[in-house]
Amino acid sequence: MVYQPGSNNPFAIPSKHGEMPTFVVRASKPQLPPVDLILENAHVVSLPMRTRFRGITVREAMIFRGLKGWGEFAPFVEYDDVEAANWLAAGIEAAWQGPPPAVRDAVPVNATVPAVPADEVAEIVARFPGATTAKVKVAEAGQSLHDDVERVAAVRELVPRVRIDANGAWDVPTAIEAIEAIGDVEYVEQPCATIPELAAVRRVVNVPIAADESIRRADDPLLVVRADAADIAVLKVAPLGGMRKVLALNASLRMDVVISSALDTAVGMAASVSTAAALPVLEHACGLGTGALFERDVAPSFVPRGGVVGPRLVTPDDELPLASPERAAWWEARLRRCHAILMAR
């Protein structure tokens, strides 16, 4: 089916002059905007980071404009296309559906402390004014348990409540030893990689266990519930396929939920904050202050004030830190493959 300018097309985006574009869409899947329309309104950005985080110093992302605003497609480069397609679905939802209704206008946010030396902690925490909770990265490759203990102790001197995140790096004995050495924390996020390992650690330690990868990268995100392997679910909007999918998953979980970012740009963070603002119950600070880790964002970052951020729509800056043409072509090819996967679904 071909939509001509001015036609009644549910995906059409008015141009700067108010005209409607011409494009082709498969009528069998009318809920998915055509790939060429997405790319016609897309930009690939390259954002330098203040501190190495999750093993990277530059964050790349594709952002695109839709009928209801902007969406983001930014799966990490090591993810395969099937997993990355969920991130595209989330970006399309944000750009063409917009956010769900909010039930709160302020979302508490934790400070995020990368695996830095203890003497650099104060500088990091200062980027999160008013935060009363901090998430501290531990189990970094090339570092020791002593490094983790010192880093967490330094954070405790500045922030009253501390949680730690091992990103699944420990085995069960190492996790138990590390948790006991680090001491009292609000919870330990993903101490081990597998659900049986999480359950084994949870049976031994006297600290709540949170599941992240075991939910968002699982074929069945409810397996962690049936295995009684966690106390808290860390949910990330883009990897789980969008705001409404996260809200639906929250309704099926029998545990507290923390909404966290996937190192989102301001565009992606808008969807994550909107999801947290729409949760019926929110008992814990969310990991939605990671915009403070960028030297530059695509728009004003969601920087916490008084320990909270509020939901808002984001429009990118006129001048963006664009990636190289070679990287832009790489992201375009990736989006096309992921779009084809969504069409097949």
Protein backbone atom coordinates (compact mmCIF):
# COMPACT_ATOMS: atom_id res chain seq x y z
CA MET A 1 0.00 0.00 0.00
CA VAL A 2 1.37 3.44 -0.93
CA TYR A 3 0.42 6.48 1.12
CA GLN A 4 0.54 9.76 -0.77
CA PRO A 5 1.08 13.14 0.86
CA GLY A 6 -1.97 14.14 2.84
CA SER A 7 -3.35 10.59 3.10
CA ASN A 8 -4.85 9.17 6.28
CA ASN A 9 -1.69 7.37 7.36
CA PRO A 10 -1.33 6.46 11.03
CA PHE A 11 2.48 6.62 10.88
CA ALA A 12 3.03 9.74 8.79
CA ILE A 13 5.12 12.49 10.35
CA PRO A 14 4.49 16.04 9.19
CA SER A 15 7.53 17.65 7.61
CA LYS A 16 8.79 21.03 8.70
CA HIS A 17 6.42 22.49 6.12
CA GLY A 18 3.44 20.43 7.24
CA GLU A 19 3.53 18.08 4.25
CA MET A 20 3.07 14.33 4.58
CA PRO A 21 5.75 11.98 3.17
CA THR A 22 5.24 9.33 0.54
CA PHE A 23 6.31 5.83 1.50
CA VAL A 24 5.38 2.18 1.19
CA VAL A 25 4.04 0.13 4.10
CA ARG A 26 3.06 -3.51 4.34
CA ALA A 27 -0.66 -3.45 5.04
CA SER A 28 -0.47 -6.81 6.85
CA LYS A 29 1.47 -5.18 9.72
CA PRO A 30 -0.04 -1.67 10.04
CA GLN A 31 1.08 -1.27 13.64
CA LEU A 32 4.76 -1.09 12.68
CA PRO A 33 6.06 2.04 10.92
CA PRO A 34 8.01 1.38 7.73
CA VAL A 35 11.75 1.07 8.14
CA ASP A 36 12.48 3.80 5.60
CA LEU A 37 10.27 6.23 7.51
CA ILE A 38 12.16 5.50 10.73
CA LEU A 39 15.51 6.02 9.03
CA GLU A 40 14.37 9.16 7.24
CA ASN A 41 14.01 10.83 10.64
CA ALA A 42 16.98 9.19 12.40
CA HIS A 43 20.38 10.29 13.69
CA VAL A 44 23.26 8.19 14.99
CA VAL A 45 25.08 9.85 17.87
CA SER A 46 28.35 9.18 19.65
CA LEU A 47 28.45 10.31 23.28
CA PRO A 48 31.76 10.42 25.18
CA MET A 49 31.56 9.33 28.81
CA ARG A 50 33.14 10.93 31.85
CA THR A 51 34.18 7.56 33.28
CA ARG A 52 34.56 4.12 31.77
CA PHE A 53 31.28 2.29 32.47
CA ARG A 54 30.24 -1.18 31.47
CA GLY A 55 33.55 -1.46 29.65
CA ILE A 56 32.92 1.45 27.28
CA THR A 57 34.05 5.07 27.05
CA VAL A 58 31.77 6.14 24.17
CA ARG A 59 28.05 5.40 23.95
CA GLU A 60 26.54 5.11 20.48
CA ALA A 61 22.82 5.31 19.84
CA MET A 62 20.33 5.88 17.06
CA ILE A 63 17.50 8.28 17.83
CA PHE A 64 14.50 8.88 15.57
CA ARG A 65 11.40 11.06 15.43
CA GLY A 66 7.89 9.66 15.26
CA LEU A 67 4.36 10.95 15.39
CA LYS A 68 4.33 11.28 19.22
CA GLY A 69 7.92 12.27 19.86
CA TRP A 70 11.36 10.66 19.84
CA GLY A 71 12.52 7.09 20.29
CA GLU A 72 15.89 5.45 20.80
CA PHE A 73 17.53 2.32 19.39
CA ALA A 74 20.74 1.60 21.30
CA PRO A 75 21.33 -2.09 22.03
CA PHE A 76 24.90 -2.75 23.07
CA VAL A 77 27.06 -3.80 20.16
CA GLU A 78 27.60 -7.36 21.40
CA TYR A 79 23.86 -8.16 21.45
CA ASP A 80 22.52 -10.26 18.59
CA ASP A 81 19.73 -9.05 16.32
CA VAL A 82 16.97 -11.05 18.02
CA GLU A 83 17.72 -9.44 21.37
CA ALA A 84 18.35 -6.04 19.81
CA ALA A 85 14.91 -6.12 18.15
CA ASN A 86 13.32 -5.58 21.58
CA TRP A 87 15.19 -2.28 21.84
CA LEU A 88 13.79 -1.21 18.48
CA ALA A 89 10.27 -2.09 19.59
CA ALA A 90 10.77 0.11 22.66
CA GLY A 91 11.99 3.02 20.54
CA ILE A 92 9.07 2.72 18.14
CA GLU A 93 6.61 2.66 21.04
CA ALA A 94 8.09 5.86 22.47
CA ALA A 95 8.10 7.65 19.11
CA TRP A 96 4.67 6.56 17.83
CA GLN A 97 2.62 5.89 20.99
CA GLY A 98 4.15 8.15 23.61
CA PRO A 99 4.30 7.51 27.36
CA PRO A 100 1.63 5.83 29.52
CA PRO A 101 -0.27 7.97 32.05
CA ALA A 102 1.81 8.95 35.08
CA VAL A 103 0.69 8.43 38.68
CA ARG A 104 3.55 10.46 40.22
CA ASP A 105 5.51 13.52 39.16
CA ALA A 106 8.78 12.64 40.92
CA VAL A 107 10.86 9.47 40.74
CA PRO A 108 13.60 8.85 43.35
CA VAL A 109 16.95 8.11 41.72
CA ASN A 110 20.07 6.41 42.98
CA ALA A 111 23.60 7.62 42.36
CA THR A 112 25.54 5.27 40.08
CA VAL A 113 29.17 4.67 41.02
CA PRO A 114 31.30 2.88 38.41
CA ALA A 115 34.21 0.65 39.40
CA VAL A 116 36.47 3.59 40.20
CA PRO A 117 39.18 3.78 42.89
CA ALA A 118 37.89 4.72 46.32
CA ASP A 119 39.52 8.14 46.18
CA GLU A 120 37.39 9.05 43.12
CA VAL A 121 34.05 8.18 44.72
CA ALA A 122 33.30 11.64 46.12
CA GLU A 123 33.62 13.23 42.69
CA ILE A 124 31.18 10.70 41.22
CA VAL A 125 28.59 11.00 44.01
CA ALA A 126 28.65 14.80 43.72
CA ARG A 127 27.03 14.44 40.28
CA PHE A 128 23.87 13.11 41.96
CA PRO A 129 22.77 15.93 44.29
CA GLY A 130 20.34 14.85 46.98
CA ALA A 131 20.64 11.12 46.31
CA THR A 132 20.13 9.01 49.44
CA THR A 133 20.85 5.72 47.65
CA ALA A 134 23.86 4.70 45.57
CA LYS A 135 24.41 1.70 43.32
CA VAL A 136 28.04 0.64 43.27
CA LYS A 137 29.56 -1.50 40.53
CA VAL A 138 31.64 -4.40 41.85
CA ALA A 139 33.38 -7.49 40.43
CA GLU A 140 35.08 -5.49 37.67
CA ALA A 141 37.52 -7.53 35.60
CA GLY A 142 41.08 -6.91 36.72
CA GLN A 143 40.06 -5.68 40.17
CA SER A 144 40.05 -7.42 43.55
CA LEU A 145 37.53 -7.90 46.34
CA HIS A 146 39.63 -5.46 48.36
CA ASP A 147 38.96 -2.81 45.69
CA ASP A 148 35.22 -3.48 45.99
CA VAL A 149 35.24 -3.28 49.79
CA GLU A 150 37.15 0.02 49.74
CA ARG A 151 34.88 1.52 47.07
CA VAL A 152 31.67 0.58 48.91
CA ALA A 153 33.09 1.88 52.21
CA ALA A 154 33.89 5.21 50.54
CA VAL A 155 30.33 5.47 49.22
CA ARG A 156 28.87 4.66 52.66
CA GLU A 157 30.62 7.72 54.07
CA LEU A 158 28.61 9.91 51.66
CA VAL A 159 25.29 8.14 51.06
CA PRO A 160 23.17 6.42 53.71
CA ARG A 161 21.91 3.53 51.57
CA VAL A 162 24.10 1.43 49.27
CA ARG A 163 23.29 -1.35 46.80
CA ILE A 164 25.85 -3.26 44.74
CA ASP A 165 25.78 -4.72 41.22
CA ALA A 166 28.07 -7.57 40.11
CA ASN A 167 26.55 -8.04 36.63
CA GLY A 168 26.61 -11.81 37.09
CA ALA A 169 30.40 -11.98 37.43
CA TRP A 170 30.68 -14.20 40.53
CA ASP A 171 30.19 -17.91 41.03
CA VAL A 172 28.27 -19.00 44.13
CA PRO A 173 31.21 -19.37 46.59
CA THR A 174 32.78 -16.10 45.42
CA ALA A 175 29.45 -14.28 45.72
CA ILE A 176 28.91 -15.47 49.27
CA GLU A 177 32.45 -14.49 50.27
CA ALA A 178 32.18 -11.08 48.62
CA ILE A 179 28.78 -10.23 50.07
CA GLU A 180 29.96 -11.12 53.56
CA ALA A 181 33.13 -9.03 53.11
CA ILE A 182 31.31 -5.99 51.73
CA GLY A 183 28.76 -6.03 54.54
CA ASP A 184 25.34 -4.48 54.90
CA VAL A 185 23.72 -3.32 51.65
CA GLU A 186 20.18 -2.61 50.51
CA TYR A 187 20.46 -5.46 48.01
CA VAL A 188 22.90 -7.28 45.72
CA GLU A 189 22.03 -7.04 42.04
CA GLN A 190 22.75 -10.07 39.84
CA PRO A 191 25.60 -11.57 41.91
CA CYS A 192 25.73 -14.62 39.60
CA ALA A 193 24.80 -15.26 35.98
CA THR A 194 22.23 -18.05 36.26
CA ILE A 195 18.94 -18.38 38.07
CA PRO A 196 19.96 -21.54 39.98
CA GLU A 197 23.07 -19.70 41.20
CA LEU A 198 20.98 -16.72 42.34
CA ALA A 199 18.71 -19.06 44.28
CA ALA A 200 21.72 -20.77 45.89
CA VAL A 201 23.22 -17.47 47.02
CA ARG A 202 19.88 -16.20 48.28
CA ARG A 203 19.50 -19.25 50.52
CA VAL A 204 22.79 -18.47 52.27
CA VAL A 205 23.21 -14.71 52.58
CA ASN A 206 21.15 -12.43 54.76
CA VAL A 207 20.85 -9.75 52.07
CA PRO A 208 18.07 -9.28 49.46
CA ILE A 209 18.96 -10.44 45.95
CA ALA A 210 17.91 -8.47 42.85
CA ALA A 211 17.64 -9.96 39.37
CA ASP A 212 18.45 -7.96 36.24
CA GLU A 213 19.93 -10.03 33.40
CA SER A 214 18.07 -13.11 34.66
CA ILE A 215 14.84 -11.30 33.79
CA ARG A 216 15.59 -9.10 30.78
CA ARG A 217 17.72 -11.66 28.91
CA ALA A 218 15.60 -14.71 29.72
CA ASP A 219 13.23 -16.44 27.31
CA ASP A 220 10.74 -16.46 30.20
CA PRO A 221 11.20 -13.46 32.53
CA LEU A 222 9.05 -15.13 35.20
CA LEU A 223 11.45 -18.07 35.66
CA VAL A 224 13.24 -16.12 38.40
CA VAL A 225 9.96 -15.87 40.30
CA ARG A 226 9.15 -19.57 40.02
CA ALA A 227 12.67 -20.45 41.17
CA ASP A 228 12.32 -18.18 44.23
CA ALA A 229 15.68 -16.75 43.21
CA ALA A 230 15.27 -13.03 43.91
CA ASP A 231 13.58 -10.49 46.14
CA ILE A 232 13.67 -7.53 43.75
CA ALA A 233 13.28 -7.20 39.98
CA VAL A 234 15.42 -4.67 38.12
CA LEU A 235 13.53 -3.86 34.93
CA LYS A 236 14.96 -1.99 31.95
CA VAL A 237 12.57 -0.56 29.39
CA ALA A 238 14.53 -0.91 26.15
CA PRO A 239 15.74 -4.53 26.57
CA LEU A 240 12.25 -5.64 27.62
CA GLY A 241 10.55 -4.14 24.58
CA GLY A 242 8.99 -0.93 25.83
CA MET A 243 7.18 0.95 28.57
CA ARG A 244 3.92 -0.93 28.39
CA LYS A 245 5.63 -4.33 28.34
CA VAL A 246 7.49 -3.41 31.51
CA LEU A 247 4.26 -2.31 33.19
CA ALA A 248 2.59 -5.57 32.16
CA LEU A 249 5.54 -7.59 33.49
CA ASN A 250 5.43 -5.66 36.75
CA ALA A 251 1.82 -6.77 37.18
CA SER A 252 2.92 -10.42 36.92
CA LEU A 253 5.84 -10.24 39.34
CA ARG A 254 5.48 -10.94 43.02
CA MET A 255 8.34 -8.74 44.14
CA ASP A 256 9.41 -5.12 44.40
CA VAL A 257 10.52 -3.46 41.17
CA VAL A 258 13.32 -1.01 40.39
CA ILE A 259 13.35 0.68 36.97
CA SER A 260 16.87 1.13 35.70
CA SER A 261 18.41 2.56 32.56
CA ALA A 262 20.44 0.71 29.94
CA LEU A 263 22.87 3.64 29.71
CA ASP A 264 20.16 5.54 27.83
CA THR A 265 20.56 8.89 26.17
CA ALA A 266 18.11 11.57 27.28
CA VAL A 267 15.68 10.25 24.64
CA GLY A 268 15.74 6.72 25.99
CA MET A 269 15.78 7.96 29.56
CA ALA A 270 12.51 9.80 28.98
CA ALA A 271 10.82 6.43 28.35
CA SER A 272 12.45 4.87 31.41
CA VAL A 273 11.43 7.74 33.71
CA SER A 274 7.90 7.70 32.29
CA THR A 275 7.67 4.00 33.10
CA ALA A 276 8.77 4.55 36.69
CA ALA A 277 6.28 7.40 36.97
CA ALA A 278 3.49 5.07 35.79
CA LEU A 279 4.17 2.18 38.20
CA PRO A 280 1.31 1.66 40.67
CA VAL A 281 3.82 1.16 43.53
CA LEU A 282 7.42 2.33 43.71
CA GLU A 283 9.28 1.43 46.91
CA HIS A 284 12.92 1.86 45.85
CA ALA A 285 15.06 4.50 44.18
CA CYS A 286 15.52 3.84 40.47
CA GLY A 287 18.69 3.68 38.41
CA LEU A 288 17.74 6.59 36.18
CA GLY A 289 20.51 9.09 36.78
CA THR A 290 23.10 7.66 34.41
CA GLY A 291 22.91 10.72 32.17
CA ALA A 292 25.39 12.20 34.66
CA LEU A 293 27.97 9.75 33.27
CA PHE A 294 27.97 11.43 29.83
CA GLU A 295 30.21 14.35 28.97
CA ARG A 296 27.49 15.36 26.56
CA ASP A 297 23.96 14.09 25.96
CA VAL A 298 21.58 14.51 23.01
CA ALA A 299 19.43 16.88 25.11
CA PRO A 300 19.49 18.11 28.70
CA SER A 301 20.05 14.95 30.78
CA PHE A 302 17.78 13.75 33.55
CA VAL A 303 20.03 15.00 36.32
CA PRO A 304 18.50 14.44 39.76
CA ARG A 305 17.69 17.40 41.95
CA GLY A 306 16.91 16.64 45.55
CA GLY A 307 17.40 12.98 44.69
CA VAL A 308 14.54 12.84 42.18
CA VAL A 309 13.79 13.30 38.49
CA GLY A 310 10.45 14.02 36.84
CA PRO A 311 8.87 12.67 33.64
CA ARG A 312 9.06 14.92 30.60
CA LEU A 313 9.14 14.74 26.83
CA VAL A 314 12.55 15.24 25.25
CA THR A 315 13.43 16.98 22.00
CA PRO A 316 17.07 16.53 20.92
CA ASP A 317 19.37 19.50 20.48
CA ASP A 318 19.66 21.05 17.03
CA GLU A 319 23.36 20.23 16.92
CA LEU A 320 24.09 16.63 17.84
CA PRO A 321 27.40 14.79 18.38
CA LEU A 322 26.99 12.64 15.29
CA ALA A 323 28.82 9.36 14.77
CA SER A 324 31.02 8.80 11.73
CA PRO A 325 29.37 7.90 8.40
CA GLU A 326 30.77 4.37 8.76
CA ARG A 327 29.16 3.91 12.18
CA ALA A 328 25.92 5.45 10.96
CA ALA A 329 25.82 2.91 8.13
CA TRP A 330 26.47 0.11 10.63
CA TRP A 331 23.53 1.23 12.77
CA GLU A 332 21.25 1.61 9.76
CA ALA A 333 21.98 -1.95 8.65
CA ARG A 334 21.36 -3.19 12.18
CA LEU A 335 18.04 -1.37 12.45
CA ARG A 336 16.90 -2.81 9.12
CA ARG A 337 17.65 -6.36 10.31
CA CYS A 338 15.87 -5.78 13.61
CA HIS A 339 12.88 -4.21 11.86
CA ALA A 340 12.59 -7.34 9.71
CA ILE A 341 12.54 -9.46 12.87
CA LEU A 342 9.73 -7.33 14.33
CA MET A 343 7.77 -7.61 11.09
CA ALA A 344 8.11 -11.40 11.21
CA ARG A 345 6.78 -11.43 14.76
